[in-house]
Protein backbone atom coordinates (compact mmCIF):
# COMPACT_ATOMS: atom_id res chain seq x y z
CA UNK A 1 5.64 -8.47 19.20
CA UNK A 2 3.46 -7.62 15.98
CA UNK A 3 -0.11 -8.29 15.58
CA UNK A 4 -0.94 -12.20 13.06
CA UNK A 5 -2.08 -10.01 10.06
CA UNK A 6 -3.16 -12.14 6.79
CA UNK A 7 -4.46 -10.24 3.93
CA UNK A 8 -6.25 -12.36 0.61
CA UNK A 9 -6.52 -10.68 -2.46
CA UNK A 10 -8.52 -11.72 -5.50
CA UNK A 11 -10.94 -13.89 -5.46
CA UNK A 12 -13.10 -14.22 -2.17
CA UNK A 13 -16.06 -16.17 -3.05
CA UNK A 14 -15.30 -20.26 -1.45
CA UNK A 15 -11.60 -20.02 -1.73
CA UNK A 16 -10.98 -16.85 -0.11
CA UNK A 17 -14.16 -17.16 2.43
CA UNK A 18 -12.63 -20.60 3.91
CA UNK A 19 -8.68 -19.40 3.52
CA UNK A 20 -9.75 -16.04 5.70
CA UNK A 21 -11.70 -18.34 8.53
CA UNK A 22 -9.30 -20.93 9.59
CA UNK A 23 -6.71 -17.65 9.06
CA UNK A 24 -9.61 -16.22 11.88
CA UNK A 25 -9.40 -19.12 14.21
CA UNK A 26 -6.20 -19.67 14.27
CA UNK A 27 -5.71 -16.14 15.82
CA UNK A 28 -4.96 -13.98 12.84
CA UNK A 29 -6.00 -10.37 12.19
CA UNK A 30 -7.91 -11.28 8.12
CA UNK A 31 -8.26 -8.46 5.63
CA UNK A 32 -10.25 -9.82 2.14
CA UNK A 33 -10.32 -7.86 -0.58
CA UNK A 34 -11.78 -8.37 -4.16
CA UNK A 35 -14.77 -7.03 -6.44
CA UNK A 36 -16.99 -9.70 -5.03
CA UNK A 37 -16.34 -9.32 -1.27
CA UNK A 38 -19.38 -9.41 0.69
CA UNK A 39 -18.54 -6.38 3.14
CA UNK A 40 -21.42 -7.11 4.92
CA UNK A 41 -20.58 -10.18 5.88
CA UNK A 42 -17.20 -10.10 5.77
CA UNK A 43 -17.85 -7.48 9.28
CA UNK A 44 -20.51 -9.33 10.64
CA UNK A 45 -17.31 -12.18 10.55
CA UNK A 46 -15.18 -9.52 12.49
CA UNK A 47 -13.06 -9.79 8.69
CA UNK A 48 -11.62 -5.93 7.70
CA UNK A 49 -13.07 -5.88 3.49
CA UNK A 50 -11.94 -4.51 0.77
CA UNK A 51 -13.52 -3.22 -2.54
CA UNK A 52 -9.84 -3.87 -4.24
CA UNK A 53 -9.66 -4.51 -7.97
CA UNK A 54 -6.61 -6.95 -8.57
CA UNK A 55 -6.30 -5.45 -12.11
CA UNK A 56 -5.33 -2.16 -11.30
CA UNK A 57 -2.28 -0.99 -9.29
CA UNK A 58 -3.12 2.11 -7.28
CA UNK A 59 -5.89 -0.28 -5.73
CA UNK A 60 -3.71 -3.35 -5.12
CA UNK A 61 -1.42 -0.56 -3.58
CA UNK A 62 -4.12 1.44 -1.49
CA UNK A 63 -5.12 -2.35 -0.06
CA UNK A 64 -2.04 -2.43 1.67
CA UNK A 65 -2.20 1.15 3.06
CA UNK A 66 -5.36 0.18 4.48
CA UNK A 67 -4.76 -3.01 6.10
CA UNK A 68 -1.65 -1.11 7.52
CA UNK A 69 -3.79 1.97 8.70
CA UNK A 70 -6.21 -0.14 10.26
CA UNK A 71 -4.69 -3.93 11.34
CA UNK A 72 -0.66 -3.27 10.85
CA UNK A 73 1.32 -4.55 8.55
CA UNK A 74 0.53 -8.23 6.87
CA UNK A 75 2.94 -11.22 7.52
CA UNK A 76 1.00 -13.12 5.17
CA UNK A 77 -0.28 -12.63 2.03
CA UNK A 78 -2.03 -14.75 0.21
CA UNK A 79 -3.18 -14.01 -3.17
CA UNK A 80 -6.27 -15.81 -5.53
CA UNK A 81 -7.11 -13.85 -8.97
CA UNK A 82 -8.48 -16.02 -12.24
CA UNK A 83 -8.75 -14.56 -15.12
CA UNK A 84 -9.91 -17.23 -18.46
CA UNK A 85 -10.84 -15.55 -21.88
CA UNK A 86 -12.04 -18.46 -24.14
CA UNK A 87 -10.93 -18.84 -28.03
CA UNK A 88 -13.89 -18.63 -30.68
CA UNK A 89 -12.11 -21.38 -32.51
CA UNK A 90 -10.88 -23.24 -29.91
CA UNK A 91 -8.45 -24.82 -32.16
CA UNK A 92 -6.21 -21.52 -32.42
CA UNK A 93 -5.60 -19.79 -29.03
CA UNK A 94 -4.78 -16.88 -31.23
CA UNK A 95 -8.37 -16.41 -31.37
CA UNK A 96 -8.40 -15.10 -28.14
CA UNK A 97 -8.14 -10.67 -29.04
CA UNK A 98 -4.80 -9.32 -28.02
CA UNK A 99 -7.05 -7.30 -24.76
CA UNK A 100 -8.16 -10.22 -23.09
CA UNK A 101 -4.87 -10.99 -22.45
CA UNK A 102 -3.92 -8.03 -21.24
CA UNK A 103 -7.09 -7.88 -18.72
CA UNK A 104 -5.59 -11.58 -18.03
CA UNK A 105 -1.92 -9.95 -17.65
CA UNK A 106 -3.36 -7.47 -15.49
CA UNK A 107 -5.14 -9.28 -13.17
CA UNK A 108 -3.17 -12.19 -12.38
CA UNK A 109 0.82 -11.30 -13.64
CA UNK A 110 0.79 -7.56 -12.72
CA UNK A 111 -1.75 -7.96 -9.91
CA UNK A 112 0.78 -10.37 -8.20
CA UNK A 113 3.22 -8.95 -8.85
CA UNK A 114 2.50 -5.51 -7.56
CA UNK A 115 1.52 -7.38 -4.06
CA UNK A 116 4.56 -9.59 -4.43
CA UNK A 117 6.25 -5.88 -3.85
CA UNK A 118 3.84 -5.05 -1.37
CA UNK A 119 4.13 -7.50 0.56
CA UNK A 120 8.08 -7.38 0.19
CA UNK A 121 8.18 -3.80 1.41
CA UNK A 122 6.22 -5.35 4.67
CA UNK A 123 8.18 -8.07 5.20
CA UNK A 124 11.51 -5.85 5.71
CA UNK A 125 9.50 -3.34 7.90
CA UNK A 126 8.50 -5.92 10.24
CA UNK A 127 11.41 -7.12 10.94
CA UNK A 128 12.51 -3.82 11.79
CA UNK A 129 9.56 -3.14 14.24
CA UNK A 130 9.42 -5.91 16.10
CA UNK A 131 8.54 -8.41 13.78
CA UNK A 132 11.51 -10.82 13.27
CA UNK A 133 9.73 -13.68 14.77
CA UNK A 134 6.26 -13.68 12.72
CA UNK A 135 5.59 -15.99 9.81
CA UNK A 136 6.53 -14.02 6.70
CA UNK A 137 4.59 -15.98 3.88
CA UNK A 138 2.89 -15.08 0.25
CA UNK A 139 1.12 -17.64 -1.21
CA UNK A 140 -0.82 -17.65 -4.81
CA UNK A 141 -3.24 -19.94 -5.47
CA UNK A 142 -1.46 -22.08 -8.30
CA UNK A 143 -2.56 -24.82 -11.09
CA UNK A 144 -0.28 -27.63 -12.77
CA UNK A 145 -2.24 -26.47 -15.37
CA UNK A 146 -0.66 -23.77 -16.05
CA UNK A 147 2.66 -25.25 -17.00
CA UNK A 148 0.23 -27.52 -19.34
CA UNK A 149 -0.86 -25.09 -21.92
CA UNK A 150 -3.76 -25.54 -24.28
CA UNK A 151 -5.60 -23.66 -27.13
CA UNK A 152 -8.33 -23.08 -24.45
CA UNK A 153 -6.00 -20.99 -21.48
CA UNK A 154 -3.60 -19.40 -23.71
CA UNK A 155 -3.75 -16.15 -22.15
CA UNK A 156 -4.44 -18.03 -18.28
CA UNK A 157 -1.27 -19.89 -18.70
CA UNK A 158 1.19 -16.74 -20.35
CA UNK A 159 -0.04 -15.14 -17.13
CA UNK A 160 0.12 -18.03 -14.84
CA UNK A 161 3.36 -18.43 -15.84
CA UNK A 162 4.33 -15.15 -15.19
CA UNK A 163 3.56 -15.14 -11.85
CA UNK A 164 5.23 -18.15 -11.15
CA UNK A 165 7.94 -16.52 -12.82
CA UNK A 166 7.96 -13.34 -10.33
CA UNK A 167 7.38 -16.15 -6.65
CA UNK A 168 10.77 -17.47 -7.47
CA UNK A 169 12.90 -15.14 -8.67
CA UNK A 170 11.15 -14.21 -4.97
CA UNK A 171 12.41 -17.77 -3.68
CA UNK A 172 15.80 -17.49 -4.33
CA UNK A 173 16.37 -13.49 -3.73
CA UNK A 174 14.72 -13.51 -0.25
CA UNK A 175 14.69 -16.98 1.24
CA UNK A 176 17.34 -16.48 2.73
CA UNK A 177 16.26 -14.04 4.50
CA UNK A 178 13.13 -15.53 5.90
CA UNK A 179 10.77 -14.91 3.69
CA UNK A 180 8.68 -17.54 2.06
CA UNK A 181 7.13 -17.51 -1.45
CA UNK A 182 4.96 -20.36 -2.94
CA UNK A 183 2.46 -21.27 -5.82
CA UNK A 184 -0.16 -23.49 -4.42
CA UNK A 185 -1.70 -26.01 -6.64
CA UNK A 186 -4.04 -28.53 -5.93
CA UNK A 187 -4.38 -31.39 -8.15
CA UNK A 188 -6.57 -35.00 -7.68
CA UNK A 189 -4.76 -37.70 -5.44
CA UNK A 190 -4.53 -40.38 -7.89
CA UNK A 191 -3.95 -40.50 -11.59
CA UNK A 192 -3.09 -37.24 -13.94
CA UNK A 193 -1.91 -34.72 -11.82
CA UNK A 194 -2.52 -32.78 -14.35
CA UNK A 195 -6.68 -33.09 -14.31
CA UNK A 196 -8.17 -30.41 -12.92
CA UNK A 197 -9.54 -30.83 -9.94
CA UNK A 198 -13.07 -30.50 -7.97
CA UNK A 199 -11.58 -27.16 -6.39
CA UNK A 200 -11.72 -27.02 -2.54
CA UNK A 201 -11.93 -24.05 -0.52
CA UNK A 202 -11.25 -25.68 2.99
CA UNK A 203 -8.33 -28.25 1.08
CA UNK A 204 -6.68 -24.45 0.14
CA UNK A 205 -7.04 -22.94 3.69
CA UNK A 206 -4.97 -26.13 5.35
CA UNK A 207 -2.53 -26.28 3.25
CA UNK A 208 -2.01 -22.35 3.18
CA UNK A 209 -2.48 -22.63 6.81
CA UNK A 210 0.47 -25.77 7.07
CA UNK A 211 2.14 -23.56 4.60
CA UNK A 212 2.04 -20.19 6.57
CA UNK A 213 3.24 -22.54 10.00
CA UNK A 214 6.68 -24.35 8.72
CA UNK A 215 7.29 -20.39 6.79
CA UNK A 216 8.33 -19.36 10.72
CA UNK A 217 12.17 -17.83 10.89
CA UNK A 218 14.69 -20.72 12.73
CA UNK A 219 17.79 -20.20 13.33
CA UNK A 220 20.60 -17.94 10.80
CA UNK A 221 21.34 -21.42 9.32
CA UNK A 222 17.39 -22.55 7.74
CA UNK A 223 17.18 -19.39 6.70
CA UNK A 224 19.83 -19.18 4.03
CA UNK A 225 19.29 -23.30 2.70
CA UNK A 226 15.92 -22.31 1.36
CA UNK A 227 14.39 -23.12 -1.26
CA UNK A 228 16.32 -26.62 -2.79
CA UNK A 229 14.32 -28.08 -4.88
CA UNK A 230 11.64 -25.95 -6.16
CA UNK A 231 10.28 -25.86 -2.20
CA UNK A 232 8.10 -22.89 -3.49
CA UNK A 233 6.23 -24.73 -6.20
CA UNK A 234 3.97 -26.73 -3.75
CA UNK A 235 0.28 -29.24 -4.60
CA UNK A 236 -2.21 -30.73 -2.05
CA UNK A 237 -4.32 -32.68 -2.33
CA UNK A 238 -8.65 -32.77 -1.71
CA UNK A 239 -7.86 -32.77 2.52
CA UNK A 240 -4.83 -30.31 2.68
CA UNK A 241 -2.58 -32.42 2.31
CA UNK A 242 0.75 -31.28 1.08
CA UNK A 243 2.57 -33.79 -0.66
CA UNK A 244 5.89 -34.36 -3.03
CA UNK A 245 5.44 -31.62 -6.31
CA UNK A 246 6.76 -32.65 -9.41
CA UNK A 247 9.33 -30.96 -10.99
CA UNK A 248 9.04 -28.07 -13.14
CA UNK A 249 9.10 -28.71 -16.62
CA UNK A 250 11.21 -25.92 -18.81
């Protein structure tokens, strides 16, 4: 059987490190890549560190090639990239320069799209080369706030919405093949889910591991039934427990 490999891309501190440590504890080979990767720490902990600018297409493509060369094809990809430009005038979302929107789009949407494209190519290759029984999952860090636009996060919301669209399209196209795609968002356990929670790296790690475990292929009938009712849109709370997400507002 092919080795179990996870590639984590984007912002590494807190959430990235927590996810990396969880997967390593579960027996995965782990590669982490971002602008802020602590290479010395990663090597000390037995991880493969990569210097990756997720806003650059070639850099993302090169990261997948390097992981394939050193470890093998990743069967799980975690995309945790963020960008947020604030308007000069809080009452005017268009006081943000177009260049800031372009930068956020490159980091969140284009980098995410490139990672999705590379991940799917890898999943197909695994199916052809003895890795069909491995779980194959692409998990992007989300936020319910991306469906609730406000003046202070217009470029961020637009970028997240573009990534959300690509994830949904991937889920409905490749779900029948046993591939799983998730937008996973931490929410408050009580009250308005659109309130920003205190971000918990360990909660993300536990939730992402649970999503990976439930992505293990079963029989062909189950492959053809996914996704149902926005199964790709996932919420979880501060202890990593997965909960049903409310239907997305269109």
